[in-house]
Amino acid sequence: MPANRDRMILAAFLHNGGAHPGGWRHPSATPERLQDLSFYQEIAATAERAKFHVLFLGDAQGMFHIAGRDAYAGSDGGSRPDPTLILGALCATTKQIGLVSTVSTTFNEPYAVARRIGTIDHLSRGRAGWNVVTSTNESEARNFGGDQLMEHDQRYARAEEFVDVVKTLWDCWEDDAFKYDKKTGRFFDTDKLHALGHVGKFFKVAGPLNLARAPQGHPVIIQAGASGPGRALAARTADLIFTAQPHMAAAKKFADEMRESIAGFGRDPRHVGIIPSIQLLVRSTEAEAKAAEAELLSLIPPERALSQLQMLLGGFDLSPFDPNGPLPDLPLSNATQSNQQKLIEMARTESLSIRQLAQRATVSRASWSMAGTPEQIADALADWFHCGAADGFSLAPNYLPDGLTEFVDHVVPVLQKRGLFRTDYEGETLRDNLGLPRPVNTFVADPSRHVEPAIWAKPTRQAK
């Protein structure tokens, strides 16, 4: 099955100090600026200059478990500002690039998320997106009153209901509900307001949302789940699907299966973009690229690599096993099962030792990584795109800000010259630029779903 479009989607995916675990130590990296708004403004300006579709900020509401004090000291996860606040500020300094934030459905509430992401869509004039995730970090549970994460399938059941509630909250106001009529004294038309009255397994939400319908109708929904329940959620609800795939054949299989699943939900696969995560090192010659790759690998402490592998595998202790020996058999994780299974498959298929797998996993997190010249990288991206393995890519720079700048300055022009990537934005909103339709309001499409708001019900108490 071919890609859904003639030209690629490109997103810039920021992993704190850089996607590579040694990236924050790179000579050009500036991790001390992670709390500095100008850091994000600079990166956003670079991505927008290159006509990227999306600037995407990941998130976690707790520090990941990393076994050993020394291993933890080498991690950049100790400082992670709230991405929705950063994107709110970037609304003022960007004009066309999409602004996407990860927000978990496990330790948040639908009303708050609908309001927060909807506000960013208004402030940016239609450029917001929400990356829907379920939390996989046990420390998040402990930060929100629990001792451990709820079970994997239950997390996704909660996420299904969460997304449905948020999308319906975004429809509480019809597009033309607000009149601002000073003459008649009508701020809005009461006939165009709908409550929710939702009572489900996980949530009870009355509505309506106290925010006008977003410029995009619904901000763009992004989903990255790769387990069975995660794939189902993505196929039913997502506009963009982020995925981690180690090579083109696996990416092609995933994309074909997802497009079939999307169609099975009665949706048009052409309206859902599949964009694998990639980590790229760009240099003028192949020799320089290999040297840069070796330099980055040398910046990863061995303890950090092993600890990262243990976390990605679901928190299993590998210290009793010979690091130069094979990966032992492991039970199914309660964390990110898809990453665990991909890493186990990688270890078995390529006969990697624990030490070798740790180094590979801590660099790519099961994603595809490559070092090469601009032409070599453009060739590889074109191969993935033309065979239908990807509708575009989510670039996770190894170090920031220069890892993004190198790709923008040297690879993007090659892609543009070949007609694989655009030279300017096509529209005003993120949906426009992704070629996605604007969602029809749920209550307009089906008036029988109307719920009368209780907010203007007459008082029931009798005056004495």
Protein backbone atom coordinates (compact mmCIF):
# COMPACT_ATOMS: atom_id res chain seq x y z
CA MET A 1 0.00 0.00 0.00
CA PRO A 2 1.55 3.37 -0.99
CA ALA A 3 1.94 6.40 1.22
CA ASN A 4 -1.16 8.55 1.71
CA ARG A 5 0.28 11.67 0.06
CA ASP A 6 2.64 13.06 -2.57
CA ARG A 7 4.95 14.82 -0.10
CA MET A 8 6.23 13.96 3.34
CA ILE A 9 5.02 15.11 6.73
CA LEU A 10 7.89 16.27 8.95
CA ALA A 11 7.71 16.73 12.70
CA ALA A 12 10.44 17.81 15.11
CA PHE A 13 10.19 15.69 18.27
CA LEU A 14 12.08 17.14 21.25
CA HIS A 15 13.44 14.70 23.81
CA ASN A 16 14.53 17.07 26.58
CA GLY A 17 18.31 17.49 26.05
CA GLY A 18 18.30 15.28 22.94
CA ALA A 19 17.06 11.87 21.82
CA HIS A 20 20.52 10.30 22.12
CA PRO A 21 21.37 9.46 25.75
CA GLY A 22 24.81 11.01 25.25
CA GLY A 23 23.40 13.94 23.28
CA TRP A 24 23.24 16.40 26.16
CA ARG A 25 27.03 15.96 26.53
CA HIS A 26 27.73 16.82 22.88
CA PRO A 27 30.02 19.87 22.59
CA SER A 28 27.34 21.92 20.81
CA ALA A 29 24.43 20.92 23.10
CA THR A 30 23.02 23.44 25.57
CA PRO A 31 21.14 21.44 28.24
CA GLU A 32 21.49 24.31 30.70
CA ARG A 33 18.84 26.13 28.63
CA LEU A 34 16.05 23.58 29.15
CA GLN A 35 14.25 26.05 31.45
CA ASP A 36 14.88 28.98 29.12
CA LEU A 37 12.00 29.98 26.80
CA SER A 38 14.46 31.30 24.21
CA PHE A 39 15.77 27.73 23.78
CA TYR A 40 12.36 26.57 22.56
CA GLN A 41 11.79 29.72 20.56
CA GLU A 42 15.05 29.12 18.69
CA ILE A 43 14.17 25.49 17.93
CA ALA A 44 10.64 26.41 16.85
CA ALA A 45 11.98 29.13 14.53
CA THR A 46 14.38 26.63 12.92
CA ALA A 47 11.63 24.06 12.35
CA GLU A 48 9.25 26.70 11.02
CA ARG A 49 11.92 28.09 8.68
CA ALA A 50 12.15 24.60 7.18
CA LYS A 51 8.32 24.40 6.86
CA PHE A 52 8.00 21.49 9.30
CA HIS A 53 4.40 20.53 9.98
CA VAL A 54 4.78 20.01 13.73
CA LEU A 55 6.89 20.92 16.73
CA PHE A 56 6.22 18.11 19.18
CA LEU A 57 7.16 18.12 22.87
CA GLY A 58 7.09 14.88 24.85
CA ASP A 59 6.34 14.72 28.56
CA ALA A 60 6.29 12.65 31.74
CA GLN A 61 4.92 13.65 35.13
CA GLY A 62 7.63 11.90 37.09
CA MET A 63 11.25 10.83 36.90
CA PHE A 64 11.82 7.47 35.26
CA HIS A 65 13.34 4.72 37.36
CA ILE A 66 17.03 4.36 36.58
CA ALA A 67 18.83 1.81 38.74
CA GLY A 68 21.94 3.18 40.42
CA ARG A 69 22.91 6.65 41.52
CA ASP A 70 25.72 6.96 38.96
CA ALA A 71 23.46 5.87 36.10
CA TYR A 72 20.82 8.38 37.14
CA ALA A 73 23.37 11.19 37.31
CA GLY A 74 24.00 10.69 33.58
CA SER A 75 20.34 11.12 32.64
CA ASP A 76 18.76 14.36 31.40
CA GLY A 77 15.32 13.44 32.78
CA GLY A 78 15.63 15.33 36.05
CA SER A 79 14.37 18.58 34.55
CA ARG A 80 11.29 18.55 32.32
CA PRO A 81 9.15 21.72 32.11
CA ASP A 82 5.42 21.40 31.38
CA PRO A 83 5.18 21.33 27.56
CA THR A 84 1.69 22.82 27.35
CA LEU A 85 2.95 26.00 29.03
CA ILE A 86 5.89 26.17 26.63
CA LEU A 87 3.61 25.78 23.62
CA GLY A 88 1.28 28.45 24.98
CA ALA A 89 4.23 30.85 25.01
CA LEU A 90 5.30 29.76 21.49
CA CYS A 91 1.90 30.79 20.13
CA ALA A 92 3.22 34.36 20.27
CA THR A 93 6.47 33.73 18.39
CA THR A 94 5.39 31.20 15.71
CA LYS A 95 2.91 31.70 12.90
CA GLN A 96 2.38 28.47 10.96
CA ILE A 97 4.00 25.43 12.53
CA GLY A 98 1.78 23.02 14.46
CA LEU A 99 2.27 22.91 18.25
CA VAL A 100 1.80 19.47 19.79
CA SER A 101 2.12 18.36 23.41
CA THR A 102 2.01 14.97 25.06
CA VAL A 103 -0.65 14.78 27.79
CA SER A 104 -1.33 11.49 29.56
CA THR A 105 -4.82 10.09 29.96
CA THR A 106 -3.75 8.16 33.05
CA PHE A 107 -3.07 11.01 35.47
CA ASN A 108 -5.19 13.85 34.10
CA GLU A 109 -8.90 14.61 33.73
CA PRO A 110 -10.73 15.06 30.39
CA TYR A 111 -12.25 18.46 31.17
CA ALA A 112 -8.87 19.99 32.09
CA VAL A 113 -7.16 18.57 29.00
CA ALA A 114 -9.96 19.67 26.64
CA ARG A 115 -9.71 23.20 28.04
CA ARG A 116 -5.91 23.35 28.00
CA ILE A 117 -5.39 22.03 24.45
CA GLY A 118 -8.41 23.97 23.19
CA THR A 119 -6.92 27.16 24.59
CA ILE A 120 -3.64 26.54 22.73
CA ASP A 121 -5.65 26.03 19.54
CA HIS A 122 -7.32 29.41 20.03
CA LEU A 123 -4.11 31.25 20.93
CA SER A 124 -2.28 29.76 17.94
CA ARG A 125 -5.26 30.32 15.59
CA GLY A 126 -5.68 26.65 14.85
CA ARG A 127 -2.27 25.00 15.22
CA ALA A 128 -2.64 22.80 18.33
CA GLY A 129 -2.35 19.05 18.64
CA TRP A 130 -2.63 16.55 21.48
CA ASN A 131 -0.40 13.48 21.68
CA VAL A 132 -2.55 10.96 23.55
CA VAL A 133 -0.53 8.60 25.74
CA THR A 134 -1.08 6.31 28.67
CA SER A 135 1.51 6.59 31.44
CA THR A 136 4.10 3.80 31.63
CA ASN A 137 6.15 5.25 34.48
CA GLU A 138 5.58 3.82 37.96
CA SER A 139 6.83 7.04 39.55
CA GLU A 140 3.86 8.89 38.04
CA ALA A 141 1.52 6.60 39.98
CA ARG A 142 3.37 7.39 43.20
CA ASN A 143 3.15 11.10 42.43
CA PHE A 144 -0.63 10.87 42.07
CA GLY A 145 -1.61 8.89 45.14
CA GLY A 146 -1.02 5.32 43.95
CA ASP A 147 1.58 2.63 44.55
CA GLN A 148 1.73 1.25 41.01
CA LEU A 149 0.27 1.76 37.55
CA MET A 150 -3.13 0.37 36.71
CA GLU A 151 -2.95 -2.65 34.42
CA HIS A 152 -2.04 -2.08 30.76
CA ASP A 153 -5.42 -2.92 29.23
CA GLN A 154 -7.26 -0.91 31.89
CA ARG A 155 -5.08 2.12 31.09
CA TYR A 156 -6.16 1.87 27.46
CA ALA A 157 -9.81 1.39 28.36
CA ARG A 158 -9.56 4.61 30.37
CA ALA A 159 -7.82 6.30 27.42
CA GLU A 160 -10.62 5.29 25.02
CA GLU A 161 -13.25 6.90 27.23
CA PHE A 162 -10.99 9.89 27.94
CA VAL A 163 -10.55 10.75 24.24
CA ASP A 164 -14.25 10.39 23.52
CA VAL A 165 -15.12 12.76 26.38
CA VAL A 166 -12.54 15.35 25.29
CA LYS A 167 -13.70 15.35 21.67
CA THR A 168 -17.35 15.76 22.73
CA LEU A 169 -16.40 18.58 25.09
CA TRP A 170 -14.79 20.36 22.13
CA ASP A 171 -18.21 20.16 20.42
CA CYS A 172 -20.25 21.66 23.29
CA TRP A 173 -20.37 24.99 21.44
CA GLU A 174 -21.40 25.17 17.81
CA ASP A 175 -19.07 27.15 15.54
CA ASP A 176 -21.31 30.21 15.37
CA ALA A 177 -22.60 30.12 18.96
CA PHE A 178 -20.89 33.31 20.12
CA LYS A 179 -22.64 36.47 18.89
CA TYR A 180 -21.08 39.21 21.05
CA ASP A 181 -24.19 41.27 20.26
CA LYS A 182 -23.95 44.46 22.33
CA LYS A 183 -27.27 45.77 21.05
CA THR A 184 -29.39 42.80 22.17
CA GLY A 185 -27.23 41.92 25.15
CA ARG A 186 -26.63 38.37 23.89
CA PHE A 187 -23.07 37.16 24.32
CA PHE A 188 -23.98 33.78 22.83
CA ASP A 189 -26.93 31.90 21.36
CA THR A 190 -28.28 29.49 23.99
CA ASP A 191 -29.67 27.18 21.28
CA LYS A 192 -26.13 26.47 20.11
CA LEU A 193 -24.80 25.26 23.47
CA HIS A 194 -24.90 21.60 24.48
CA ALA A 195 -24.03 19.85 27.73
CA LEU A 196 -22.40 16.45 27.97
CA GLY A 197 -24.07 14.53 30.77
CA HIS A 198 -21.42 11.82 30.46
CA VAL A 199 -21.45 8.98 32.99
CA GLY A 200 -19.00 6.22 32.14
CA LYS A 201 -16.79 3.61 33.75
CA PHE A 202 -13.97 6.04 34.51
CA PHE A 203 -15.44 9.55 34.22
CA LYS A 204 -18.50 11.56 35.10
CA VAL A 205 -18.50 14.88 33.23
CA ALA A 206 -21.50 17.21 33.04
CA GLY A 207 -20.19 19.87 30.63
CA PRO A 208 -20.36 22.15 28.82
CA LEU A 209 -16.78 23.29 28.26
CA ASN A 210 -16.33 26.96 29.16
CA LEU A 211 -14.42 27.66 25.94
CA ALA A 212 -15.61 28.37 22.39
CA ARG A 213 -15.18 25.61 19.82
CA ALA A 214 -11.58 25.44 18.65
CA PRO A 215 -10.58 26.96 15.28
CA GLN A 216 -9.82 23.45 14.00
CA GLY A 217 -13.06 22.07 15.43
CA HIS A 218 -10.91 19.50 17.18
CA PRO A 219 -7.17 20.05 17.66
CA VAL A 220 -5.22 17.34 15.83
CA ILE A 221 -5.13 14.01 17.70
CA ILE A 222 -1.82 12.11 17.71
CA GLN A 223 -1.42 8.61 19.12
CA ALA A 224 1.61 6.37 19.47
CA GLY A 225 0.30 3.17 21.04
CA ALA A 226 1.62 0.01 19.40
CA SER A 227 0.13 -2.75 21.58
CA GLY A 228 -3.23 -4.23 20.54
CA PRO A 229 -5.32 -1.75 22.56
CA GLY A 230 -3.01 1.11 21.55
CA ARG A 231 -3.38 0.31 17.86
CA ALA A 232 -7.15 0.14 18.19
CA LEU A 233 -7.24 3.54 19.89
CA ALA A 234 -5.04 5.03 17.16
CA ALA A 235 -7.05 3.51 14.32
CA ARG A 236 -10.33 4.79 15.76
CA THR A 237 -9.32 8.28 16.92
CA ALA A 238 -5.94 9.51 15.62
CA ASP A 239 -5.18 12.01 12.87
CA LEU A 240 -1.45 11.25 13.09
CA ILE A 241 0.14 8.02 14.30
CA PHE A 242 3.64 8.19 15.74
CA THR A 243 5.46 4.87 15.80
CA ALA A 244 8.89 3.46 16.63
CA GLN A 245 10.11 0.96 14.03
CA PRO A 246 13.70 -0.33 13.79
CA HIS A 247 13.77 -0.94 10.02
CA MET A 248 11.77 -0.37 6.84
CA ALA A 249 10.23 -3.84 6.59
CA ALA A 250 8.77 -3.60 10.10
CA ALA A 251 7.54 -0.07 9.41
CA LYS A 252 5.87 -1.20 6.16
CA LYS A 253 4.10 -4.07 7.92
CA PHE A 254 2.92 -1.75 10.69
CA ALA A 255 1.69 0.91 8.26
CA ASP A 256 -0.21 -1.59 6.12
CA GLU A 257 -1.88 -3.13 9.16
CA MET A 258 -2.81 0.24 10.58
CA ARG A 259 -4.32 1.47 7.30
CA GLU A 260 -6.41 -1.68 7.14
CA SER A 261 -7.51 -1.19 10.76
CA ILE A 262 -8.35 2.49 10.14
CA ALA A 263 -10.58 1.47 7.23
CA GLY A 264 -12.17 -1.15 9.47
CA PHE A 265 -13.39 1.64 11.74
CA GLY A 266 -15.07 3.29 8.76
CA ARG A 267 -12.41 5.98 8.44
CA ASP A 268 -10.46 7.05 5.35
CA PRO A 269 -6.79 5.95 5.71
CA ARG A 270 -5.82 8.95 3.56
CA HIS A 271 -6.86 11.18 6.46
CA VAL A 272 -4.44 9.55 8.93
CA GLY A 273 -0.69 10.16 8.62
CA ILE A 274 1.75 7.49 9.85
CA ILE A 275 5.10 9.01 10.83
CA PRO A 276 7.83 6.80 12.33
CA SER A 277 10.35 8.29 14.74
CA ILE A 278 13.89 8.65 13.35
CA GLN A 279 17.26 9.65 14.78
CA LEU A 280 19.73 10.99 12.23
CA LEU A 281 23.31 12.20 12.23
CA VAL A 282 24.11 14.36 9.21
CA ARG A 283 27.67 14.99 8.03
CA SER A 284 29.35 15.97 4.75
CA THR A 285 30.99 12.59 4.21
CA GLU A 286 30.24 9.05 5.29
CA ALA A 287 33.50 8.90 7.25
CA GLU A 288 32.61 12.05 9.18
CA ALA A 289 29.16 10.60 9.92
CA LYS A 290 30.62 7.38 11.33
CA ALA A 291 33.08 9.35 13.43
CA ALA A 292 30.27 11.52 14.81
CA GLU A 293 28.28 8.37 15.61
CA ALA A 294 31.23 6.89 17.49
CA GLU A 295 31.73 10.16 19.39
CA LEU A 296 28.13 10.13 20.60
CA LEU A 297 28.34 6.49 21.66
CA SER A 298 31.44 7.29 23.72
CA LEU A 299 29.39 9.83 25.69
CA ILE A 300 27.00 7.19 27.08
CA PRO A 301 28.08 5.78 30.47
CA PRO A 302 27.75 1.93 30.43
CA GLU A 303 25.67 2.05 33.62
CA ARG A 304 23.28 4.45 31.93
CA ALA A 305 22.86 2.18 28.89
CA LEU A 306 22.09 -0.91 30.97
CA SER A 307 19.66 1.00 33.16
CA GLN A 308 17.87 2.41 30.10
CA LEU A 309 17.53 -1.09 28.65
CA GLN A 310 16.07 -2.40 31.89
CA MET A 311 13.52 0.42 31.92
CA LEU A 312 12.51 -0.17 28.28
CA LEU A 313 12.11 -3.88 28.93
CA GLY A 314 9.65 -3.18 31.74
CA GLY A 315 11.89 -2.75 34.80
CA PHE A 316 13.46 -6.21 34.87
CA ASP A 317 16.80 -6.54 36.69
CA LEU A 318 19.49 -7.80 34.31
CA SER A 319 22.44 -7.43 36.73
CA PRO A 320 22.59 -11.18 37.56
CA PHE A 321 23.26 -12.02 33.91
CA ASP A 322 26.53 -11.86 31.96
CA PRO A 323 26.48 -8.55 30.01
CA ASN A 324 28.34 -10.31 27.19
CA GLY A 325 25.76 -13.11 27.09
CA PRO A 326 22.31 -13.31 25.50
CA LEU A 327 19.17 -11.63 26.79
CA PRO A 328 17.26 -14.01 29.10
CA ASP A 329 13.61 -14.92 28.55
CA LEU A 330 11.35 -12.25 30.05
CA PRO A 331 7.67 -12.20 31.03
CA LEU A 332 5.30 -9.63 29.49
CA SER A 333 5.77 -6.13 30.88
CA ASN A 334 3.06 -3.94 32.42
CA ALA A 335 4.78 -0.87 30.92
CA THR A 336 5.28 -0.27 27.18
CA GLN A 337 4.77 -3.79 25.81
CA SER A 338 5.44 -2.91 22.17
CA ASN A 339 8.94 -1.56 22.92
CA GLN A 340 9.71 -4.61 25.04
CA GLN A 341 8.70 -7.00 22.26
CA LYS A 342 10.65 -5.08 19.59
CA LEU A 343 13.81 -5.11 21.68
CA ILE A 344 13.49 -8.82 22.41
CA GLU A 345 13.01 -9.47 18.69
CA MET A 346 16.03 -7.27 17.88
CA ALA A 347 18.20 -9.18 20.35
CA ARG A 348 17.14 -12.59 19.01
CA THR A 349 17.23 -11.69 15.29
CA GLU A 350 20.65 -10.01 15.42
CA SER A 351 22.16 -12.25 18.13
CA LEU A 352 22.98 -9.25 20.32
CA SER A 353 24.47 -9.56 23.79
CA ILE A 354 22.91 -7.67 26.68
CA ARG A 355 25.69 -5.07 26.41
CA GLN A 356 25.17 -4.64 22.65
CA LEU A 357 21.40 -4.45 23.00
CA ALA A 358 21.75 -1.88 25.79
CA GLN A 359 23.85 0.34 23.57
CA ARG A 360 21.45 -0.02 20.64
CA ALA A 361 18.32 0.47 22.75
CA THR A 362 19.55 3.46 24.66
CA VAL A 363 20.34 5.23 21.37
CA SER A 364 17.19 4.52 19.38
CA ARG A 365 14.52 3.37 21.86
CA ALA A 366 13.44 0.84 19.19
CA SER A 367 13.32 3.56 16.48
CA TRP A 368 15.33 3.68 13.27
CA SER A 369 18.65 5.53 13.51
CA MET A 370 21.16 6.41 10.80
CA ALA A 371 24.35 8.38 10.26
CA GLY A 372 25.24 9.54 6.77
CA THR A 373 25.52 12.30 4.20
CA PRO A 374 22.51 14.47 3.27
CA GLU A 375 22.06 12.49 0.04
CA GLN A 376 22.28 9.11 1.80
CA ILE A 377 19.73 10.16 4.39
CA ALA A 378 17.41 11.62 1.73
CA ASP A 379 17.69 8.36 -0.22
CA ALA A 380 16.71 6.32 2.83
CA LEU A 381 13.78 8.58 3.71
CA ALA A 382 12.58 8.42 0.10
CA ASP A 383 12.71 4.60 0.15
CA TRP A 384 10.55 4.45 3.29
CA PHE A 385 8.13 7.00 1.86
CA HIS A 386 7.75 5.54 -1.62
CA CYS A 387 7.16 1.97 -0.42
CA GLY A 388 4.40 3.12 1.97
CA ALA A 389 6.30 2.47 5.21
CA ALA A 390 5.77 6.12 6.21
CA ASP A 391 3.69 9.17 5.30
CA GLY A 392 6.48 11.25 6.79
CA PHE A 393 8.81 11.23 9.76
CA SER A 394 9.13 12.44 13.33
CA LEU A 395 12.74 13.61 13.62
CA ALA A 396 14.12 13.23 17.13
CA PRO A 397 17.41 15.20 17.07
CA ASN A 398 20.26 13.48 18.89
CA TYR A 399 21.32 16.76 20.51
CA LEU A 400 19.81 20.23 20.64
CA PRO A 401 19.61 22.69 19.08
CA ASP A 402 22.24 21.84 16.44
CA GLY A 403 20.96 18.33 15.68
CA LEU A 404 17.81 19.88 14.21
CA THR A 405 19.66 22.71 12.46
CA GLU A 406 21.97 20.26 10.66
CA PHE A 407 18.98 18.35 9.26
CA VAL A 408 17.17 21.55 8.27
CA ASP A 409 20.17 23.10 6.54
CA HIS A 410 21.46 20.01 4.73
CA VAL A 411 18.75 17.34 4.29
CA VAL A 412 15.57 19.41 3.85
CA PRO A 413 16.92 21.21 0.72
CA VAL A 414 17.67 17.82 -0.87
CA LEU A 415 14.14 16.59 -0.10
CA GLN A 416 12.68 19.82 -1.50
CA LYS A 417 14.76 19.63 -4.67
CA ARG A 418 13.44 16.11 -5.25
CA GLY A 419 9.85 17.23 -4.70
CA LEU A 420 9.50 15.09 -1.58
CA PHE A 421 8.89 17.97 0.82
CA ARG A 422 7.10 21.29 0.44
CA THR A 423 8.73 24.69 0.13
CA ASP A 424 5.98 26.62 1.91
CA TYR A 425 2.93 26.16 4.11
CA GLU A 426 -0.34 25.46 2.27
CA GLY A 427 -2.84 26.75 4.83
CA GLU A 428 -3.46 28.55 8.09
CA THR A 429 -4.29 25.71 10.48
CA LEU A 430 -2.45 22.50 11.28
CA ARG A 431 -5.32 20.51 9.75
CA ASP A 432 -5.02 22.58 6.57
CA ASN A 433 -1.31 21.88 6.34
CA LEU A 434 -1.79 18.16 6.96
CA GLY A 435 -4.61 17.94 4.44
CA LEU A 436 -7.07 16.79 7.11
CA PRO A 437 -10.80 17.58 7.11
CA ARG A 438 -12.32 19.71 9.87
CA PRO A 439 -14.52 17.52 12.11
CA VAL A 440 -18.28 18.02 11.98
CA ASN A 441 -19.79 19.03 15.33
CA THR A 442 -21.22 15.94 17.04
CA PHE A 443 -24.38 17.71 18.19
CA VAL A 444 -25.04 19.31 14.81
CA ALA A 445 -24.63 15.97 13.04
CA ASP A 446 -26.96 14.24 15.51
CA PRO A 447 -29.36 16.66 17.28
CA SER A 448 -30.74 13.78 19.36
CA ARG A 449 -27.51 13.87 21.38
CA HIS A 450 -28.36 17.31 22.77
CA VAL A 451 -28.24 17.55 26.56
CA GLU A 452 -29.76 20.64 28.14
CA PRO A 453 -27.17 22.44 30.29
CA ALA A 454 -28.03 22.44 33.97
CA ILE A 455 -26.18 25.73 34.50
CA TRP A 456 -29.28 27.85 33.85
CA ALA A 457 -31.80 25.67 35.66
CA LYS A 458 -34.14 27.63 37.90
CA PRO A 459 -33.39 27.59 41.66
CA THR A 460 -35.25 24.85 43.53
CA ARG A 461 -35.16 26.48 46.97
CA GLN A 462 -38.26 28.35 48.02
CA ALA A 463 -37.90 31.81 49.54
CA LYS A 464 -39.45 32.22 53.00
